[in-house]
Structure formats: C-alpha cells, structure tokens
Amino acid sequence: MNNFRTEFFRLYDKKTASGELKFSDLGISKDDFTRLCTDSEFILTEEKIKDICITMKLTQEEIQKLWEAYK
C-alpha cells in the first residue's frame, strides 16, 4: 500500500467513525474510491486532494501529513 493511501484511509476512517463525514460528502466518484482501495498505484489528482482537505475539514497538521504522503 502506498503512503498516500495509508494516510488517506487513516484520516477517512477517523472522520467516518466519528460521524463527521460520510462517503457521499467526499465528492469522489465510486470508481475513483474503488481504485484507491484496490489499485496500489492509483493516486487522486492534486485538485481532488485539495478538495478533500477542505471537505474533510482537516487540520493543518493532517493536511501536511497527507501532502507529505502524496510526494
């Protein structure tokens, strides 16, 4: 699993478990989400990652970790 996927799902699981976020809130297509789950080489576009940071209401620290994992 790539670092981006690991970090994304850590944040996603945390936000969904707390009830702060639902899948439908993300704005990610089901196809992209499925690829993110199953394709170890798949990474979302930079624009989509920026949108997700806002939608998930990530802290500055969480955003930094996600971007570091992207690079």
PDB file of N, CA and C in Angstrom:
ATOM      1  N   MET A   1       0.843  -1.181   0.000  1.00  0.00           N
ATOM      2  CA  MET A   1       0.000   0.000   0.000  1.00  0.00           C
ATOM      3  C   MET A   1       0.887   1.243   0.000  1.00  0.00           C
ATOM      4  N   ASN A   2       0.562   2.217  -0.850  1.00  0.00           N
ATOM      5  CA  ASN A   2       1.381   3.424  -0.888  1.00  0.00           C
ATOM      6  C   ASN A   2       1.081   4.331   0.299  1.00  0.00           C
ATOM      7  N   ASN A   3       1.981   5.229   0.565  1.00  0.00           N
ATOM      8  CA  ASN A   3       1.850   6.114   1.727  1.00  0.00           C
ATOM      9  C   ASN A   3       0.615   6.990   1.661  1.00  0.00           C
ATOM     10  N   PHE A   4       0.265   7.454   0.457  1.00  0.00           N
ATOM     11  CA  PHE A   4      -0.917   8.299   0.322  1.00  0.00           C
ATOM     12  C   PHE A   4      -2.168   7.534   0.740  1.00  0.00           C
ATOM     13  N   ARG A   5      -2.318   6.334   0.222  1.00  0.00           N
ATOM     14  CA  ARG A   5      -3.488   5.517   0.583  1.00  0.00           C
ATOM     15  C   ARG A   5      -3.549   5.292   2.090  1.00  0.00           C
ATOM     16  N   THR A   6      -2.426   4.969   2.686  1.00  0.00           N
ATOM     17  CA  THR A   6      -2.381   4.714   4.128  1.00  0.00           C
ATOM     18  C   THR A   6      -2.853   5.936   4.905  1.00  0.00           C
ATOM     19  N   GLU A   7      -2.312   7.082   4.554  1.00  0.00           N
ATOM     20  CA  GLU A   7      -2.667   8.316   5.265  1.00  0.00           C
ATOM     21  C   GLU A   7      -4.112   8.722   4.977  1.00  0.00           C
ATOM     22  N   PHE A   8      -4.532   8.620   3.723  1.00  0.00           N
ATOM     23  CA  PHE A   8      -5.908   8.973   3.378  1.00  0.00           C
ATOM     24  C   PHE A   8      -6.894   8.123   4.170  1.00  0.00           C
ATOM     25  N   PHE A   9      -6.689   6.817   4.178  1.00  0.00           N
ATOM     26  CA  PHE A   9      -7.644   5.950   4.862  1.00  0.00           C
ATOM     27  C   PHE A   9      -7.577   6.090   6.377  1.00  0.00           C
ATOM     28  N   ARG A  10      -6.435   6.449   6.907  1.00  0.00           N
ATOM     29  CA  ARG A  10      -6.349   6.723   8.345  1.00  0.00           C
ATOM     30  C   ARG A  10      -7.259   7.904   8.689  1.00  0.00           C
ATOM     31  N   LEU A  11      -7.166   8.963   7.898  1.00  0.00           N
ATOM     32  CA  LEU A  11      -7.993  10.146   8.123  1.00  0.00           C
ATOM     33  C   LEU A  11      -9.467   9.867   7.815  1.00  0.00           C
ATOM     34  N   TYR A  12      -9.708   9.202   6.709  1.00  0.00           N
ATOM     35  CA  TYR A  12     -11.082   8.886   6.299  1.00  0.00           C
ATOM     36  C   TYR A  12     -11.775   8.031   7.360  1.00  0.00           C
ATOM     37  N   ASP A  13     -11.099   6.990   7.833  1.00  0.00           N
ATOM     38  CA  ASP A  13     -11.687   6.110   8.854  1.00  0.00           C
ATOM     39  C   ASP A  13     -11.977   6.873  10.144  1.00  0.00           C
ATOM     40  N   LYS A  14     -11.068   7.737  10.517  1.00  0.00           N
ATOM     41  CA  LYS A  14     -11.247   8.541  11.730  1.00  0.00           C
ATOM     42  C   LYS A  14     -12.474   9.447  11.602  1.00  0.00           C
ATOM     43  N   LYS A  15     -12.599  10.106  10.462  1.00  0.00           N
ATOM     44  CA  LYS A  15     -13.700  11.050  10.255  1.00  0.00           C
ATOM     45  C   LYS A  15     -15.044  10.331  10.104  1.00  0.00           C
ATOM     46  N   THR A  16     -15.053   9.198   9.430  1.00  0.00           N
ATOM     47  CA  THR A  16     -16.319   8.480   9.271  1.00  0.00           C
ATOM     48  C   THR A  16     -16.736   7.799  10.577  1.00  0.00           C
ATOM     49  N   ALA A  17     -15.790   7.285  11.326  1.00  0.00           N
ATOM     50  CA  ALA A  17     -16.109   6.621  12.598  1.00  0.00           C
ATOM     51  C   ALA A  17     -16.701   7.612  13.606  1.00  0.00           C
ATOM     52  N   SER A  18     -16.234   8.844  13.542  1.00  0.00           N
ATOM     53  CA  SER A  18     -16.734   9.852  14.475  1.00  0.00           C
ATOM     54  C   SER A  18     -18.065  10.447  14.017  1.00  0.00           C
ATOM     55  N   GLY A  19     -18.466  10.137  12.793  1.00  0.00           N
ATOM     56  CA  GLY A  19     -19.705  10.675  12.257  1.00  0.00           C
ATOM     57  C   GLY A  19     -19.550  12.036  11.604  1.00  0.00           C
ATOM     58  N   GLU A  20     -18.318  12.527  11.528  1.00  0.00           N
ATOM     59  CA  GLU A  20     -18.059  13.838  10.924  1.00  0.00           C
ATOM     60  C   GLU A  20     -18.224  13.822   9.406  1.00  0.00           C
ATOM     61  N   LEU A  21     -18.109  12.651   8.813  1.00  0.00           N
ATOM     62  CA  LEU A  21     -18.036  12.548   7.362  1.00  0.00           C
ATOM     63  C   LEU A  21     -18.736  11.289   6.883  1.00  0.00           C
ATOM     64  N   LYS A  22     -19.396  11.412   5.729  1.00  0.00           N
ATOM     65  CA  LYS A  22     -19.963  10.255   5.028  1.00  0.00           C
ATOM     66  C   LYS A  22     -19.292  10.190   3.660  1.00  0.00           C
ATOM     67  N   PHE A  23     -19.289   9.002   3.079  1.00  0.00           N
ATOM     68  CA  PHE A  23     -18.680   8.850   1.757  1.00  0.00           C
ATOM     69  C   PHE A  23     -19.248   9.875   0.780  1.00  0.00           C
ATOM     70  N   SER A  24     -20.543  10.053   0.797  1.00  0.00           N
ATOM     71  CA  SER A  24     -21.183  10.955  -0.172  1.00  0.00           C
ATOM     72  C   SER A  24     -20.714  12.402  -0.019  1.00  0.00           C
ATOM     73  N   ASP A  25     -20.167  12.753   1.138  1.00  0.00           N
ATOM     74  CA  ASP A  25     -19.652  14.108   1.358  1.00  0.00           C
ATOM     75  C   ASP A  25     -18.333  14.359   0.640  1.00  0.00           C
ATOM     76  N   LEU A  26     -17.587  13.292   0.357  1.00  0.00           N
ATOM     77  CA  LEU A  26     -16.234  13.428  -0.174  1.00  0.00           C
ATOM     78  C   LEU A  26     -16.144  14.060  -1.548  1.00  0.00           C
ATOM     79  N   GLY A  27     -17.112  13.775  -2.384  1.00  0.00           N
ATOM     80  CA  GLY A  27     -17.047  14.268  -3.751  1.00  0.00           C
ATOM     81  C   GLY A  27     -16.131  13.447  -4.637  1.00  0.00           C
ATOM     82  N   ILE A  28     -15.841  12.223  -4.216  1.00  0.00           N
ATOM     83  CA  ILE A  28     -15.035  11.293  -5.005  1.00  0.00           C
ATOM     84  C   ILE A  28     -15.992  10.317  -5.688  1.00  0.00           C
ATOM     85  N   SER A  29     -15.745  10.060  -6.949  1.00  0.00           N
ATOM     86  CA  SER A  29     -16.590   9.082  -7.636  1.00  0.00           C
ATOM     87  C   SER A  29     -16.373   7.702  -7.033  1.00  0.00           C
ATOM     88  N   LYS A  30     -17.380   6.863  -7.168  1.00  0.00           N
ATOM     89  CA  LYS A  30     -17.250   5.487  -6.662  1.00  0.00           C
ATOM     90  C   LYS A  30     -16.108   4.768  -7.368  1.00  0.00           C
ATOM     91  N   ASP A  31     -15.927   5.049  -8.654  1.00  0.00           N
ATOM     92  CA  ASP A  31     -14.832   4.419  -9.406  1.00  0.00           C
ATOM     93  C   ASP A  31     -13.464   4.821  -8.833  1.00  0.00           C
ATOM     94  N   ASP A  32     -13.286   6.109  -8.566  1.00  0.00           N
ATOM     95  CA  ASP A  32     -12.011   6.567  -8.002  1.00  0.00           C
ATOM     96  C   ASP A  32     -11.797   5.999  -6.605  1.00  0.00           C
ATOM     97  N   PHE A  33     -12.850   5.946  -5.802  1.00  0.00           N
ATOM     98  CA  PHE A  33     -12.724   5.405  -4.455  1.00  0.00           C
ATOM     99  C   PHE A  33     -12.363   3.918  -4.512  1.00  0.00           C
ATOM    100  N   THR A  34     -13.003   3.195  -5.416  1.00  0.00           N
ATOM    101  CA  THR A  34     -12.702   1.768  -5.584  1.00  0.00           C
ATOM    102  C   THR A  34     -11.261   1.578  -6.033  1.00  0.00           C
ATOM    103  N   ARG A  35     -10.810   2.390  -6.970  1.00  0.00           N
ATOM    104  CA  ARG A  35      -9.416   2.295  -7.429  1.00  0.00           C
ATOM    105  C   ARG A  35      -8.451   2.615  -6.307  1.00  0.00           C
ATOM    106  N   LEU A  36      -8.794   3.606  -5.489  1.00  0.00           N
ATOM    107  CA  LEU A  36      -7.953   3.953  -4.356  1.00  0.00           C
ATOM    108  C   LEU A  36      -7.857   2.783  -3.373  1.00  0.00           C
ATOM    109  N   CYS A  37      -8.957   2.059  -3.233  1.00  0.00           N
ATOM    110  CA  CYS A  37      -8.985   0.894  -2.339  1.00  0.00           C
ATOM    111  C   CYS A  37      -8.215  -0.297  -2.904  1.00  0.00           C
ATOM    112  N   THR A  38      -8.257  -0.471  -4.211  1.00  0.00           N
ATOM    113  CA  THR A  38      -7.762  -1.717  -4.807  1.00  0.00           C
ATOM    114  C   THR A  38      -6.492  -1.599  -5.633  1.00  0.00           C
ATOM    115  N   ASP A  39      -6.180  -0.427  -6.130  1.00  0.00           N
ATOM    116  CA  ASP A  39      -5.031  -0.242  -7.018  1.00  0.00           C
ATOM    117  C   ASP A  39      -3.912   0.475  -6.263  1.00  0.00           C
ATOM    118  N   SER A  40      -2.878  -0.239  -5.938  1.00  0.00           N
ATOM    119  CA  SER A  40      -1.805   0.330  -5.116  1.00  0.00           C
ATOM    120  C   SER A  40      -1.071   1.478  -5.805  1.00  0.00           C
ATOM    121  N   GLU A  41      -1.215   1.626  -7.105  1.00  0.00           N
ATOM    122  CA  GLU A  41      -0.533   2.697  -7.837  1.00  0.00           C
ATOM    123  C   GLU A  41      -1.411   3.934  -8.038  1.00  0.00           C
ATOM    124  N   PHE A  42      -2.699   3.828  -7.760  1.00  0.00           N
ATOM    125  CA  PHE A  42      -3.631   4.925  -8.025  1.00  0.00           C
ATOM    126  C   PHE A  42      -3.524   6.005  -6.956  1.00  0.00           C
ATOM    127  N   ILE A  43      -3.444   7.239  -7.408  1.00  0.00           N
ATOM    128  CA  ILE A  43      -3.470   8.399  -6.517  1.00  0.00           C
ATOM    129  C   ILE A  43      -4.390   9.432  -7.155  1.00  0.00           C
ATOM    130  N   LEU A  44      -5.155  10.111  -6.328  1.00  0.00           N
ATOM    131  CA  LEU A  44      -6.060  11.151  -6.800  1.00  0.00           C
ATOM    132  C   LEU A  44      -5.266  12.331  -7.355  1.00  0.00           C
ATOM    133  N   THR A  45      -5.931  13.171  -8.123  1.00  0.00           N
ATOM    134  CA  THR A  45      -5.280  14.366  -8.658  1.00  0.00           C
ATOM    135  C   THR A  45      -5.026  15.360  -7.531  1.00  0.00           C
ATOM    136  N   GLU A  46      -4.093  16.254  -7.746  1.00  0.00           N
ATOM    137  CA  GLU A  46      -3.797  17.287  -6.747  1.00  0.00           C
ATOM    138  C   GLU A  46      -5.038  18.119  -6.453  1.00  0.00           C
ATOM    139  N   GLU A  47      -5.798  18.433  -7.479  1.00  0.00           N
ATOM    140  CA  GLU A  47      -7.016  19.231  -7.303  1.00  0.00           C
ATOM    141  C   GLU A  47      -8.022  18.500  -6.417  1.00  0.00           C
ATOM    142  N   LYS A  48      -8.181  17.214  -6.636  1.00  0.00           N
ATOM    143  CA  LYS A  48      -9.112  16.420  -5.836  1.00  0.00           C
ATOM    144  C   LYS A  48      -8.624  16.331  -4.390  1.00  0.00           C
ATOM    145  N   ILE A  49      -7.336  16.226  -4.198  1.00  0.00           N
ATOM    146  CA  ILE A  49      -6.786  16.171  -2.840  1.00  0.00           C
ATOM    147  C   ILE A  49      -7.044  17.492  -2.114  1.00  0.00           C
ATOM    148  N   LYS A  50      -6.871  18.605  -2.812  1.00  0.00           N
ATOM    149  CA  LYS A  50      -7.170  19.907  -2.216  1.00  0.00           C
ATOM    150  C   LYS A  50      -8.636  19.980  -1.785  1.00  0.00           C
ATOM    151  N   ASP A  51      -9.528  19.507  -2.651  1.00  0.00           N
ATOM    152  CA  ASP A  51     -10.959  19.493  -2.333  1.00  0.00           C
ATOM    153  C   ASP A  51     -11.249  18.623  -1.119  1.00  0.00           C
ATOM    154  N   ILE A  52     -10.607  17.472  -1.061  1.00  0.00           N
ATOM    155  CA  ILE A  52     -10.823  16.538   0.049  1.00  0.00           C
ATOM    156  C   ILE A  52     -10.375  17.153   1.372  1.00  0.00           C
ATOM    157  N   CYS A  53      -9.265  17.864   1.356  1.00  0.00           N
ATOM    158  CA  CYS A  53      -8.770  18.509   2.579  1.00  0.00           C
ATOM    159  C   CYS A  53      -9.816  19.471   3.131  1.00  0.00           C
ATOM    160  N   ILE A  54     -10.453  20.189   2.252  1.00  0.00           N
ATOM    161  CA  ILE A  54     -11.497  21.138   2.668  1.00  0.00           C
ATOM    162  C   ILE A  54     -12.736  20.384   3.133  1.00  0.00           C
ATOM    163  N   THR A  55     -13.194  19.438   2.331  1.00  0.00           N
ATOM    164  CA  THR A  55     -14.407  18.682   2.641  1.00  0.00           C
ATOM    165  C   THR A  55     -14.291  17.911   3.946  1.00  0.00           C
ATOM    166  N   MET A  56     -13.120  17.319   4.174  1.00  0.00           N
ATOM    167  CA  MET A  56     -12.915  16.537   5.386  1.00  0.00           C
ATOM    168  C   MET A  56     -12.609  17.421   6.601  1.00  0.00           C
ATOM    169  N   LYS A  57     -12.478  18.735   6.370  1.00  0.00           N
ATOM    170  CA  LYS A  57     -12.163  19.690   7.439  1.00  0.00           C
ATOM    171  C   LYS A  57     -10.918  19.260   8.206  1.00  0.00           C
ATOM    172  N   LEU A  58      -9.873  18.987   7.428  1.00  0.00           N
ATOM    173  CA  LEU A  58      -8.625  18.542   8.023  1.00  0.00           C
ATOM    174  C   LEU A  58      -7.914  19.687   8.713  1.00  0.00           C
ATOM    175  N   THR A  59      -7.202  19.365   9.766  1.00  0.00           N
ATOM    176  CA  THR A  59      -6.374  20.361  10.441  1.00  0.00           C
ATOM    177  C   THR A  59      -5.146  20.616   9.576  1.00  0.00           C
ATOM    178  N   GLN A  60      -4.416  21.663   9.894  1.00  0.00           N
ATOM    179  CA  GLN A  60      -3.189  21.965   9.149  1.00  0.00           C
ATOM    180  C   GLN A  60      -2.207  20.799   9.238  1.00  0.00           C
ATOM    181  N   GLU A  61      -2.115  20.193  10.415  1.00  0.00           N
ATOM    182  CA  GLU A  61      -1.220  19.052  10.605  1.00  0.00           C
ATOM    183  C   GLU A  61      -1.653  17.857   9.747  1.00  0.00           C
ATOM    184  N   GLU A  62      -2.948  17.595   9.691  1.00  0.00           N
ATOM    185  CA  GLU A  62      -3.457  16.487   8.869  1.00  0.00           C
ATOM    186  C   GLU A  62      -3.213  16.749   7.387  1.00  0.00           C
ATOM    187  N   ILE A  63      -3.416  17.991   6.975  1.00  0.00           N
ATOM    188  CA  ILE A  63      -3.170  18.362   5.574  1.00  0.00           C
ATOM    189  C   ILE A  63      -1.701  18.147   5.237  1.00  0.00           C
ATOM    190  N   GLN A  64      -0.835  18.582   6.109  1.00  0.00           N
ATOM    191  CA  GLN A  64       0.604  18.422   5.878  1.00  0.00           C
ATOM    192  C   GLN A  64       0.975  16.947   5.739  1.00  0.00           C
ATOM    193  N   LYS A  65       0.456  16.106   6.620  1.00  0.00           N
ATOM    194  CA  LYS A  65       0.753  14.679   6.559  1.00  0.00           C
ATOM    195  C   LYS A  65       0.252  14.066   5.258  1.00  0.00           C
ATOM    196  N   LEU A  66      -0.938  14.474   4.822  1.00  0.00           N
ATOM    197  CA  LEU A  66      -1.490  13.933   3.575  1.00  0.00           C
ATOM    198  C   LEU A  66      -0.637  14.345   2.381  1.00  0.00           C
ATOM    199  N   TRP A  67      -0.207  15.614   2.339  1.00  0.00           N
ATOM    200  CA  TRP A  67       0.641  16.076   1.235  1.00  0.00           C
ATOM    201  C   TRP A  67       2.006  15.431   1.255  1.00  0.00           C
ATOM    202  N   GLU A  68       2.561  15.236   2.435  1.00  0.00           N
ATOM    203  CA  GLU A  68       3.845  14.550   2.537  1.00  0.00           C
ATOM    204  C   GLU A  68       3.732  13.121   2.019  1.00  0.00           C
ATOM    205  N   ALA A  69       2.621  12.484   2.296  1.00  0.00           N
ATOM    206  CA  ALA A  69       2.395  11.113   1.827  1.00  0.00           C
ATOM    207  C   ALA A  69       2.194  11.084   0.314  1.00  0.00           C
ATOM    208  N   TYR A  70       1.683  12.169  -0.244  1.00  0.00           N
ATOM    209  CA  TYR A  70       1.446  12.261  -1.693  1.00  0.00           C
ATOM    210  C   TYR A  70       2.751  12.330  -2.469  1.00  0.00           C
ATOM    211  N   LYS A  71       3.736  13.009  -1.907  1.00  0.00           N
ATOM    212  CA  LYS A  71       5.006  13.246  -2.610  1.00  0.00           C
ATOM    213  C   LYS A  71       5.883  12.046  -2.645  1.00  0.00           C
TER     214      LYS A  71
END
